[in-house]
PDB file of N, CA and C in Angstrom:
ATOM      1  N   UNK A   1     -63.045 -93.998 -39.411  1.00  0.00           N
ATOM      2  CA  UNK A   1     -62.287 -92.756 -39.515  1.00  0.00           C
ATOM      3  C   UNK A   1     -62.845 -91.731 -38.541  1.00  0.00           C
ATOM      4  N   UNK A   2     -61.982 -90.943 -38.034  1.00  0.00           N
ATOM      5  CA  UNK A   2     -62.354 -89.893 -37.109  1.00  0.00           C
ATOM      6  C   UNK A   2     -62.916 -88.694 -37.860  1.00  0.00           C
ATOM      7  N   UNK A   3     -63.793 -87.953 -37.201  1.00  0.00           N
ATOM      8  CA  UNK A   3     -64.348 -86.749 -37.829  1.00  0.00           C
ATOM      9  C   UNK A   3     -63.280 -85.679 -38.001  1.00  0.00           C
ATOM     10  N   UNK A   4     -62.267 -85.704 -37.177  1.00  0.00           N
ATOM     11  CA  UNK A   4     -61.206 -84.704 -37.271  1.00  0.00           C
ATOM     12  C   UNK A   4     -60.131 -85.078 -38.278  1.00  0.00           C
ATOM     13  N   UNK A   5     -60.254 -86.229 -38.909  1.00  0.00           N
ATOM     14  CA  UNK A   5     -59.228 -86.640 -39.859  1.00  0.00           C
ATOM     15  C   UNK A   5     -59.212 -85.749 -41.102  1.00  0.00           C
ATOM     16  N   UNK A   6     -60.352 -85.140 -41.436  1.00  0.00           N
ATOM     17  CA  UNK A   6     -60.378 -84.244 -42.595  1.00  0.00           C
ATOM     18  C   UNK A   6     -59.475 -83.039 -42.359  1.00  0.00           C
ATOM     19  N   UNK A   7     -59.430 -82.561 -41.107  1.00  0.00           N
ATOM     20  CA  UNK A   7     -58.558 -81.427 -40.801  1.00  0.00           C
ATOM     21  C   UNK A   7     -57.093 -81.824 -40.891  1.00  0.00           C
ATOM     22  N   UNK A   8     -56.779 -83.015 -40.450  1.00  0.00           N
ATOM     23  CA  UNK A   8     -55.387 -83.461 -40.549  1.00  0.00           C
ATOM     24  C   UNK A   8     -55.001 -83.696 -42.004  1.00  0.00           C
ATOM     25  N   UNK A   9     -55.925 -84.190 -42.804  1.00  0.00           N
ATOM     26  CA  UNK A   9     -55.620 -84.380 -44.230  1.00  0.00           C
ATOM     27  C   UNK A   9     -55.398 -83.048 -44.931  1.00  0.00           C
ATOM     28  N   UNK A  10     -56.216 -82.062 -44.611  1.00  0.00           N
ATOM     29  CA  UNK A  10     -56.028 -80.727 -45.197  1.00  0.00           C
ATOM     30  C   UNK A  10     -54.683 -80.159 -44.767  1.00  0.00           C
ATOM     31  N   UNK A  11     -54.339 -80.321 -43.494  1.00  0.00           N
ATOM     32  CA  UNK A  11     -53.064 -79.810 -42.998  1.00  0.00           C
ATOM     33  C   UNK A  11     -51.885 -80.486 -43.704  1.00  0.00           C
ATOM     34  N   UNK A  12     -51.951 -81.793 -43.857  1.00  0.00           N
ATOM     35  CA  UNK A  12     -50.868 -82.520 -44.534  1.00  0.00           C
ATOM     36  C   UNK A  12     -50.774 -82.088 -45.996  1.00  0.00           C
ATOM     37  N   UNK A  13     -51.917 -81.923 -46.653  1.00  0.00           N
ATOM     38  CA  UNK A  13     -51.918 -81.479 -48.054  1.00  0.00           C
ATOM     39  C   UNK A  13     -51.249 -80.117 -48.185  1.00  0.00           C
ATOM     40  N   UNK A  14     -51.631 -79.173 -47.305  1.00  0.00           N
ATOM     41  CA  UNK A  14     -51.045 -77.829 -47.391  1.00  0.00           C
ATOM     42  C   UNK A  14     -49.559 -77.854 -47.082  1.00  0.00           C
ATOM     43  N   UNK A  15     -49.149 -78.720 -46.147  1.00  0.00           N
ATOM     44  CA  UNK A  15     -47.741 -78.788 -45.775  1.00  0.00           C
ATOM     45  C   UNK A  15     -46.894 -79.396 -46.890  1.00  0.00           C
ATOM     46  N   UNK A  16     -47.379 -80.456 -47.516  1.00  0.00           N
ATOM     47  CA  UNK A  16     -46.604 -81.131 -48.560  1.00  0.00           C
ATOM     48  C   UNK A  16     -46.577 -80.315 -49.850  1.00  0.00           C
ATOM     49  N   UNK A  17     -47.743 -79.813 -50.261  1.00  0.00           N
ATOM     50  CA  UNK A  17     -47.845 -79.091 -51.532  1.00  0.00           C
ATOM     51  C   UNK A  17     -47.498 -77.613 -51.444  1.00  0.00           C
ATOM     52  N   UNK A  18     -47.198 -77.126 -50.240  1.00  0.00           N
ATOM     53  CA  UNK A  18     -46.860 -75.716 -50.006  1.00  0.00           C
ATOM     54  C   UNK A  18     -47.985 -74.785 -50.465  1.00  0.00           C
ATOM     55  N   UNK A  19     -49.213 -75.157 -50.137  1.00  0.00           N
ATOM     56  CA  UNK A  19     -50.393 -74.359 -50.495  1.00  0.00           C
ATOM     57  C   UNK A  19     -50.851 -73.543 -49.284  1.00  0.00           C
ATOM     58  N   UNK A  20     -49.955 -72.730 -48.742  1.00  0.00           N
ATOM     59  CA  UNK A  20     -50.266 -71.978 -47.522  1.00  0.00           C
ATOM     60  C   UNK A  20     -51.309 -70.895 -47.760  1.00  0.00           C
ATOM     61  N   UNK A  21     -51.542 -70.508 -48.997  1.00  0.00           N
ATOM     62  CA  UNK A  21     -52.539 -69.487 -49.280  1.00  0.00           C
ATOM     63  C   UNK A  21     -53.953 -70.021 -49.049  1.00  0.00           C
ATOM     64  N   UNK A  22     -54.114 -71.346 -48.925  1.00  0.00           N
ATOM     65  CA  UNK A  22     -55.429 -71.927 -48.639  1.00  0.00           C
ATOM     66  C   UNK A  22     -55.823 -71.773 -47.173  1.00  0.00           C
ATOM     67  N   UNK A  23     -54.873 -71.565 -46.293  1.00  0.00           N
ATOM     68  CA  UNK A  23     -55.162 -71.489 -44.860  1.00  0.00           C
ATOM     69  C   UNK A  23     -56.144 -70.365 -44.522  1.00  0.00           C
ATOM     70  N   UNK A  24     -55.969 -69.134 -44.999  1.00  0.00           N
ATOM     71  CA  UNK A  24     -56.955 -68.096 -44.660  1.00  0.00           C
ATOM     72  C   UNK A  24     -58.352 -68.407 -45.184  1.00  0.00           C
ATOM     73  N   UNK A  25     -58.440 -69.072 -46.314  1.00  0.00           N
ATOM     74  CA  UNK A  25     -59.753 -69.427 -46.864  1.00  0.00           C
ATOM     75  C   UNK A  25     -60.441 -70.430 -45.954  1.00  0.00           C
ATOM     76  N   UNK A  26     -59.724 -71.469 -45.518  1.00  0.00           N
ATOM     77  CA  UNK A  26     -60.304 -72.466 -44.633  1.00  0.00           C
ATOM     78  C   UNK A  26     -60.672 -71.865 -43.277  1.00  0.00           C
ATOM     79  N   UNK A  27     -59.840 -70.982 -42.768  1.00  0.00           N
ATOM     80  CA  UNK A  27     -60.141 -70.332 -41.489  1.00  0.00           C
ATOM     81  C   UNK A  27     -61.394 -69.475 -41.607  1.00  0.00           C
ATOM     82  N   UNK A  28     -61.500 -68.717 -42.704  1.00  0.00           N
ATOM     83  CA  UNK A  28     -62.680 -67.875 -42.913  1.00  0.00           C
ATOM     84  C   UNK A  28     -63.949 -68.721 -43.028  1.00  0.00           C
ATOM     85  N   UNK A  29     -63.891 -69.803 -43.780  1.00  0.00           N
ATOM     86  CA  UNK A  29     -65.060 -70.674 -43.932  1.00  0.00           C
ATOM     87  C   UNK A  29     -65.455 -71.325 -42.613  1.00  0.00           C
ATOM     88  N   UNK A  30     -64.471 -71.733 -41.824  1.00  0.00           N
ATOM     89  CA  UNK A  30     -64.757 -72.319 -40.519  1.00  0.00           C
ATOM     90  C   UNK A  30     -65.419 -71.306 -39.597  1.00  0.00           C
ATOM     91  N   UNK A  31     -64.886 -70.093 -39.542  1.00  0.00           N
ATOM     92  CA  UNK A  31     -65.469 -69.059 -38.687  1.00  0.00           C
ATOM     93  C   UNK A  31     -66.865 -68.661 -39.148  1.00  0.00           C
ATOM     94  N   UNK A  32     -67.070 -68.568 -40.450  1.00  0.00           N
ATOM     95  CA  UNK A  32     -68.385 -68.231 -40.982  1.00  0.00           C
ATOM     96  C   UNK A  32     -69.401 -69.310 -40.625  1.00  0.00           C
ATOM     97  N   UNK A  33     -69.042 -70.559 -40.776  1.00  0.00           N
ATOM     98  CA  UNK A  33     -69.930 -71.652 -40.401  1.00  0.00           C
ATOM     99  C   UNK A  33     -70.227 -71.656 -38.916  1.00  0.00           C
ATOM    100  N   UNK A  34     -69.217 -71.378 -38.099  1.00  0.00           N
ATOM    101  CA  UNK A  34     -69.413 -71.326 -36.654  1.00  0.00           C
ATOM    102  C   UNK A  34     -70.369 -70.198 -36.275  1.00  0.00           C
ATOM    103  N   UNK A  35     -70.220 -69.033 -36.897  1.00  0.00           N
ATOM    104  CA  UNK A  35     -71.109 -67.901 -36.613  1.00  0.00           C
ATOM    105  C   UNK A  35     -72.537 -68.222 -37.019  1.00  0.00           C
ATOM    106  N   UNK A  36     -72.711 -68.831 -38.167  1.00  0.00           N
ATOM    107  CA  UNK A  36     -74.069 -69.166 -38.626  1.00  0.00           C
ATOM    108  C   UNK A  36     -74.719 -70.187 -37.695  1.00  0.00           C
ATOM    109  N   UNK A  37     -73.981 -71.198 -37.285  1.00  0.00           N
ATOM    110  CA  UNK A  37     -74.533 -72.209 -36.377  1.00  0.00           C
ATOM    111  C   UNK A  37     -74.827 -71.599 -35.013  1.00  0.00           C
ATOM    112  N   UNK A  38     -73.933 -70.767 -34.519  1.00  0.00           N
ATOM    113  CA  UNK A  38     -74.115 -70.160 -33.205  1.00  0.00           C
ATOM    114  C   UNK A  38     -75.285 -69.181 -33.195  1.00  0.00           C
ATOM    115  N   UNK A  39     -75.427 -68.395 -34.233  1.00  0.00           N
ATOM    116  CA  UNK A  39     -76.445 -67.347 -34.269  1.00  0.00           C
ATOM    117  C   UNK A  39     -77.818 -67.863 -34.677  1.00  0.00           C
ATOM    118  N   UNK A  40     -77.909 -69.105 -35.082  1.00  0.00           N
ATOM    119  CA  UNK A  40     -79.186 -69.650 -35.551  1.00  0.00           C
ATOM    120  C   UNK A  40     -80.248 -69.642 -34.458  1.00  0.00           C
ATOM    121  N   UNK A  41     -79.885 -69.963 -33.257  1.00  0.00           N
ATOM    122  CA  UNK A  41     -80.863 -70.033 -32.193  1.00  0.00           C
ATOM    123  C   UNK A  41     -80.749 -68.925 -31.173  1.00  0.00           C
ATOM    124  N   UNK A  42     -80.086 -67.860 -31.493  1.00  0.00           N
ATOM    125  CA  UNK A  42     -79.900 -66.803 -30.501  1.00  0.00           C
ATOM    126  C   UNK A  42     -80.567 -65.506 -30.943  1.00  0.00           C
ATOM    127  N   UNK A  43     -80.471 -64.519 -30.081  1.00  0.00           N
ATOM    128  CA  UNK A  43     -81.046 -63.215 -30.377  1.00  0.00           C
ATOM    129  C   UNK A  43     -80.196 -62.440 -31.382  1.00  0.00           C
ATOM    130  N   UNK A  44     -79.035 -62.948 -31.719  1.00  0.00           N
ATOM    131  CA  UNK A  44     -78.156 -62.281 -32.683  1.00  0.00           C
ATOM    132  C   UNK A  44     -78.551 -62.544 -34.128  1.00  0.00           C
ATOM    133  N   UNK A  45     -79.441 -63.486 -34.345  1.00  0.00           N
ATOM    134  CA  UNK A  45     -79.797 -63.899 -35.702  1.00  0.00           C
ATOM    135  C   UNK A  45     -80.237 -62.747 -36.598  1.00  0.00           C
ATOM    136  N   UNK A  46     -81.122 -61.848 -36.168  1.00  0.00           N
ATOM    137  CA  UNK A  46     -81.519 -60.760 -37.072  1.00  0.00           C
ATOM    138  C   UNK A  46     -80.352 -59.862 -37.479  1.00  0.00           C
ATOM    139  N   UNK A  47     -79.385 -59.700 -36.586  1.00  0.00           N
ATOM    140  CA  UNK A  47     -78.239 -58.842 -36.903  1.00  0.00           C
ATOM    141  C   UNK A  47     -77.255 -59.533 -37.845  1.00  0.00           C
ATOM    142  N   UNK A  48     -77.090 -60.842 -37.677  1.00  0.00           N
ATOM    143  CA  UNK A  48     -76.193 -61.599 -38.546  1.00  0.00           C
ATOM    144  C   UNK A  48     -76.762 -61.678 -39.958  1.00  0.00           C
ATOM    145  N   UNK A  49     -78.064 -61.921 -40.086  1.00  0.00           N
ATOM    146  CA  UNK A  49     -78.664 -62.078 -41.393  1.00  0.00           C
ATOM    147  C   UNK A  49     -78.688 -60.786 -42.197  1.00  0.00           C
ATOM    148  N   UNK A  50     -78.607 -59.639 -41.520  1.00  0.00           N
ATOM    149  CA  UNK A  50     -78.547 -58.379 -42.278  1.00  0.00           C
ATOM    150  C   UNK A  50     -77.203 -58.209 -42.967  1.00  0.00           C
ATOM    151  N   UNK A  51     -76.181 -58.913 -42.508  1.00  0.00           N
ATOM    152  CA  UNK A  51     -74.877 -58.824 -43.148  1.00  0.00           C
ATOM    153  C   UNK A  51     -74.852 -59.515 -44.496  1.00  0.00           C
ATOM    154  N   UNK A  52     -75.735 -60.494 -44.672  1.00  0.00           N
ATOM    155  CA  UNK A  52     -75.755 -61.264 -45.902  1.00  0.00           C
ATOM    156  C   UNK A  52     -76.903 -60.791 -46.746  1.00  0.00           C
TER     157      UNK A  52
END
């Protein structure tokens, strides 16, 4: 299985079940994870961690 298959499964689930309200939650979680991974090794880390 491809690593991107989870995204396609989520998309198909939301499309079939009409659960469009889940999209902003998934987008927020993806962006939050991306920020945490990106800021882990950079000079932005002290500023990001003060938000939490």
